Amino acid sequence: MDEQRPMLVVERNGRTTVVTGWRAWLLAAGAMLSGLLTLVFLAFLFFGVAVAVGALLLIAIPAAIIVAVVTALFSKRGQSGL
């Protein structure tokens, strides 16, 4: 019966390094953890950008409408010279 051991093969600068046993498990866990942390960071970043843009639009659009209404009310175009 052939025993299968965990193995990572790392190729860097033309040199191949084979990592087996508990070191392979440790490297794989570190790689998975760093990938997961990167994804969590990107998710929080995109969520923050979405909330910021949403808050800006929630404030800017009503403010623009109010300014347009006030400008239209105080405009001198519609008056007949009184």
N, C-alpha and C. Protein backbone atom coordinates (compact mmCIF):
# COMPACT_ATOMS: atom_id res chain seq x y z
N MET A 1 0.84 -1.17 0.00
CA MET A 1 0.00 0.00 0.00
C MET A 1 0.90 1.25 0.00
N ASP A 2 0.62 2.18 -0.90
CA ASP A 2 1.42 3.39 -1.04
C ASP A 2 0.87 4.49 -0.14
N GLU A 3 1.74 5.03 0.71
CA GLU A 3 1.31 6.08 1.64
C GLU A 3 1.40 7.44 0.95
N GLN A 4 0.29 8.18 0.97
CA GLN A 4 0.25 9.53 0.39
C GLN A 4 0.55 10.54 1.49
N ARG A 5 1.57 11.35 1.29
CA ARG A 5 1.90 12.39 2.27
C ARG A 5 1.61 13.74 1.66
N PRO A 6 1.19 14.70 2.50
CA PRO A 6 0.96 16.05 1.96
C PRO A 6 2.26 16.64 1.43
N MET A 7 2.17 17.27 0.26
CA MET A 7 3.37 17.77 -0.38
C MET A 7 3.05 19.09 -1.09
N LEU A 8 3.93 20.06 -0.94
CA LEU A 8 3.87 21.31 -1.69
C LEU A 8 5.14 21.43 -2.51
N VAL A 9 4.98 21.83 -3.75
CA VAL A 9 6.14 22.03 -4.61
C VAL A 9 6.22 23.52 -4.91
N VAL A 10 7.33 24.13 -4.50
CA VAL A 10 7.53 25.57 -4.69
C VAL A 10 8.67 25.75 -5.68
N GLU A 11 8.39 26.49 -6.75
CA GLU A 11 9.41 26.74 -7.76
C GLU A 11 9.71 28.23 -7.77
N ARG A 12 10.97 28.57 -7.43
CA ARG A 12 11.36 29.96 -7.32
C ARG A 12 12.76 30.14 -7.90
N ASN A 13 12.91 31.11 -8.80
CA ASN A 13 14.20 31.41 -9.43
C ASN A 13 14.84 30.17 -10.07
N GLY A 14 14.02 29.36 -10.67
CA GLY A 14 14.54 28.16 -11.33
C GLY A 14 14.86 27.01 -10.40
N ARG A 15 14.69 27.19 -9.10
CA ARG A 15 14.95 26.12 -8.13
C ARG A 15 13.63 25.55 -7.65
N THR A 16 13.54 24.26 -7.58
CA THR A 16 12.34 23.58 -7.11
C THR A 16 12.57 23.07 -5.70
N THR A 17 11.64 23.44 -4.81
CA THR A 17 11.72 22.99 -3.43
C THR A 17 10.47 22.19 -3.12
N VAL A 18 10.63 21.01 -2.57
CA VAL A 18 9.51 20.15 -2.20
C VAL A 18 9.38 20.20 -0.68
N VAL A 19 8.19 20.59 -0.22
CA VAL A 19 7.91 20.67 1.21
C VAL A 19 6.90 19.58 1.54
N THR A 20 7.23 18.75 2.54
CA THR A 20 6.32 17.66 2.91
C THR A 20 6.05 17.71 4.41
N GLY A 21 5.06 16.90 4.81
CA GLY A 21 4.76 16.73 6.23
C GLY A 21 4.08 17.93 6.85
N TRP A 22 4.43 18.18 8.11
CA TRP A 22 3.76 19.25 8.85
C TRP A 22 4.09 20.63 8.29
N ARG A 23 5.25 20.76 7.65
CA ARG A 23 5.60 22.05 7.04
C ARG A 23 4.69 22.35 5.85
N ALA A 24 4.33 21.31 5.11
CA ALA A 24 3.40 21.50 3.99
C ALA A 24 2.04 21.92 4.50
N TRP A 25 1.57 21.30 5.58
CA TRP A 25 0.29 21.69 6.17
C TRP A 25 0.35 23.14 6.66
N LEU A 26 1.44 23.52 7.29
CA LEU A 26 1.59 24.87 7.81
C LEU A 26 1.61 25.90 6.68
N LEU A 27 2.35 25.62 5.61
CA LEU A 27 2.39 26.53 4.47
C LEU A 27 1.03 26.63 3.78
N ALA A 28 0.33 25.51 3.64
CA ALA A 28 -0.99 25.53 3.00
C ALA A 28 -1.98 26.31 3.86
N ALA A 29 -1.93 26.11 5.18
CA ALA A 29 -2.82 26.86 6.07
C ALA A 29 -2.51 28.35 6.01
N GLY A 30 -1.24 28.71 5.96
CA GLY A 30 -0.85 30.12 5.85
C GLY A 30 -1.31 30.74 4.55
N ALA A 31 -1.19 29.99 3.46
CA ALA A 31 -1.64 30.50 2.17
C ALA A 31 -3.16 30.69 2.15
N MET A 32 -3.88 29.73 2.72
CA MET A 32 -5.35 29.85 2.77
C MET A 32 -5.76 31.02 3.65
N LEU A 33 -5.09 31.19 4.79
CA LEU A 33 -5.42 32.28 5.70
C LEU A 33 -5.13 33.63 5.07
N SER A 34 -4.01 33.76 4.39
CA SER A 34 -3.69 35.04 3.75
C SER A 34 -4.66 35.34 2.61
N GLY A 35 -5.06 34.33 1.86
CA GLY A 35 -6.06 34.54 0.81
C GLY A 35 -7.41 34.95 1.39
N LEU A 36 -7.80 34.31 2.47
CA LEU A 36 -9.07 34.65 3.11
C LEU A 36 -9.04 36.07 3.67
N LEU A 37 -7.93 36.45 4.31
CA LEU A 37 -7.81 37.81 4.85
C LEU A 37 -7.83 38.85 3.73
N THR A 38 -7.23 38.53 2.60
CA THR A 38 -7.26 39.44 1.45
C THR A 38 -8.68 39.62 0.95
N LEU A 39 -9.42 38.52 0.84
CA LEU A 39 -10.82 38.63 0.40
C LEU A 39 -11.68 39.41 1.38
N VAL A 40 -11.48 39.20 2.67
CA VAL A 40 -12.24 39.95 3.69
C VAL A 40 -11.91 41.43 3.61
N PHE A 41 -10.63 41.76 3.44
CA PHE A 41 -10.23 43.16 3.32
C PHE A 41 -10.88 43.82 2.11
N LEU A 42 -10.86 43.13 0.97
CA LEU A 42 -11.48 43.68 -0.25
C LEU A 42 -12.98 43.84 -0.09
N ALA A 43 -13.62 42.88 0.59
CA ALA A 43 -15.07 42.98 0.82
C ALA A 43 -15.40 44.20 1.67
N PHE A 44 -14.64 44.42 2.75
CA PHE A 44 -14.87 45.60 3.59
C PHE A 44 -14.58 46.88 2.82
N LEU A 45 -13.55 46.88 1.98
CA LEU A 45 -13.22 48.05 1.20
C LEU A 45 -14.34 48.40 0.23
N PHE A 46 -14.83 47.41 -0.51
CA PHE A 46 -15.91 47.66 -1.46
C PHE A 46 -17.20 48.05 -0.76
N PHE A 47 -17.47 47.43 0.40
CA PHE A 47 -18.66 47.79 1.17
C PHE A 47 -18.56 49.24 1.65
N GLY A 48 -17.39 49.64 2.10
CA GLY A 48 -17.19 51.02 2.55
C GLY A 48 -17.37 52.02 1.42
N VAL A 49 -16.85 51.69 0.25
CA VAL A 49 -17.01 52.58 -0.90
C VAL A 49 -18.48 52.68 -1.28
N ALA A 50 -19.19 51.56 -1.27
CA ALA A 50 -20.61 51.57 -1.61
C ALA A 50 -21.42 52.40 -0.61
N VAL A 51 -21.12 52.27 0.68
CA VAL A 51 -21.83 53.06 1.69
C VAL A 51 -21.52 54.54 1.53
N ALA A 52 -20.27 54.88 1.26
CA ALA A 52 -19.89 56.29 1.09
C ALA A 52 -20.58 56.90 -0.12
N VAL A 53 -20.59 56.19 -1.24
CA VAL A 53 -21.25 56.70 -2.45
C VAL A 53 -22.75 56.82 -2.22
N GLY A 54 -23.33 55.83 -1.55
CA GLY A 54 -24.76 55.89 -1.25
C GLY A 54 -25.11 57.06 -0.35
N ALA A 55 -24.30 57.31 0.67
CA ALA A 55 -24.56 58.44 1.57
C ALA A 55 -24.39 59.76 0.83
N LEU A 56 -23.38 59.84 -0.02
CA LEU A 56 -23.19 61.06 -0.81
C LEU A 56 -24.38 61.33 -1.71
N LEU A 57 -24.87 60.30 -2.37
CA LEU A 57 -26.02 60.47 -3.26
C LEU A 57 -27.28 60.80 -2.47
N LEU A 58 -27.42 60.22 -1.29
CA LEU A 58 -28.59 60.51 -0.46
C LEU A 58 -28.60 61.95 0.00
N ILE A 59 -27.44 62.57 0.12
CA ILE A 59 -27.36 63.97 0.54
C ILE A 59 -27.33 64.89 -0.67
N ALA A 60 -26.59 64.55 -1.71
CA ALA A 60 -26.38 65.45 -2.84
C ALA A 60 -27.61 65.60 -3.71
N ILE A 61 -28.33 64.53 -3.97
CA ILE A 61 -29.49 64.63 -4.87
C ILE A 61 -30.61 65.48 -4.26
N PRO A 62 -31.02 65.26 -3.00
CA PRO A 62 -32.03 66.16 -2.42
C PRO A 62 -31.54 67.61 -2.31
N ALA A 63 -30.25 67.80 -2.00
CA ALA A 63 -29.71 69.16 -1.92
C ALA A 63 -29.79 69.85 -3.28
N ALA A 64 -29.48 69.13 -4.36
CA ALA A 64 -29.56 69.71 -5.70
C ALA A 64 -31.00 70.04 -6.06
N ILE A 65 -31.94 69.19 -5.66
CA ILE A 65 -33.35 69.46 -5.94
C ILE A 65 -33.81 70.70 -5.18
N ILE A 66 -33.41 70.82 -3.92
CA ILE A 66 -33.80 71.99 -3.11
C ILE A 66 -33.22 73.26 -3.70
N VAL A 67 -31.96 73.22 -4.10
CA VAL A 67 -31.34 74.40 -4.71
C VAL A 67 -32.05 74.77 -6.01
N ALA A 68 -32.43 73.79 -6.80
CA ALA A 68 -33.13 74.07 -8.07
C ALA A 68 -34.50 74.68 -7.80
N VAL A 69 -35.21 74.18 -6.80
CA VAL A 69 -36.54 74.74 -6.49
C VAL A 69 -36.41 76.16 -5.97
N VAL A 70 -35.47 76.40 -5.06
CA VAL A 70 -35.28 77.75 -4.52
C VAL A 70 -34.84 78.71 -5.62
N THR A 71 -33.98 78.25 -6.50
CA THR A 71 -33.55 79.10 -7.62
C THR A 71 -34.72 79.42 -8.54
N ALA A 72 -35.57 78.46 -8.79
CA ALA A 72 -36.73 78.69 -9.65
C ALA A 72 -37.72 79.65 -8.99
N LEU A 73 -37.87 79.56 -7.67
CA LEU A 73 -38.81 80.45 -6.97
C LEU A 73 -38.33 81.89 -6.96
N PHE A 74 -37.04 82.10 -6.82
CA PHE A 74 -36.51 83.46 -6.75
C PHE A 74 -36.00 83.97 -8.09
N SER A 75 -36.29 83.27 -9.14
CA SER A 75 -35.84 83.68 -10.47
C SER A 75 -36.67 84.89 -10.94
N LYS A 76 -36.06 85.79 -11.67
CA LYS A 76 -36.75 86.99 -12.16
C LYS A 76 -37.31 86.78 -13.56
N ARG A 77 -37.13 85.61 -14.14
CA ARG A 77 -37.60 85.37 -15.50
C ARG A 77 -39.12 85.36 -15.61
N GLY A 78 -39.80 84.82 -14.63
CA GLY A 78 -41.24 84.68 -14.75
C GLY A 78 -42.01 85.92 -14.37
N GLN A 79 -41.36 86.95 -13.86
CA GLN A 79 -42.07 88.15 -13.42
C GLN A 79 -42.25 89.11 -14.61
N SER A 80 -43.32 89.91 -14.55
CA SER A 80 -43.66 90.79 -15.67
C SER A 80 -43.28 92.23 -15.37
N GLY A 81 -42.16 92.46 -14.74
CA GLY A 81 -41.66 93.83 -14.52
C GLY A 81 -42.39 94.61 -13.44
N LEU A 82 -43.03 93.98 -12.50
CA LEU A 82 -43.72 94.71 -11.43
C LEU A 82 -42.81 95.20 -10.37
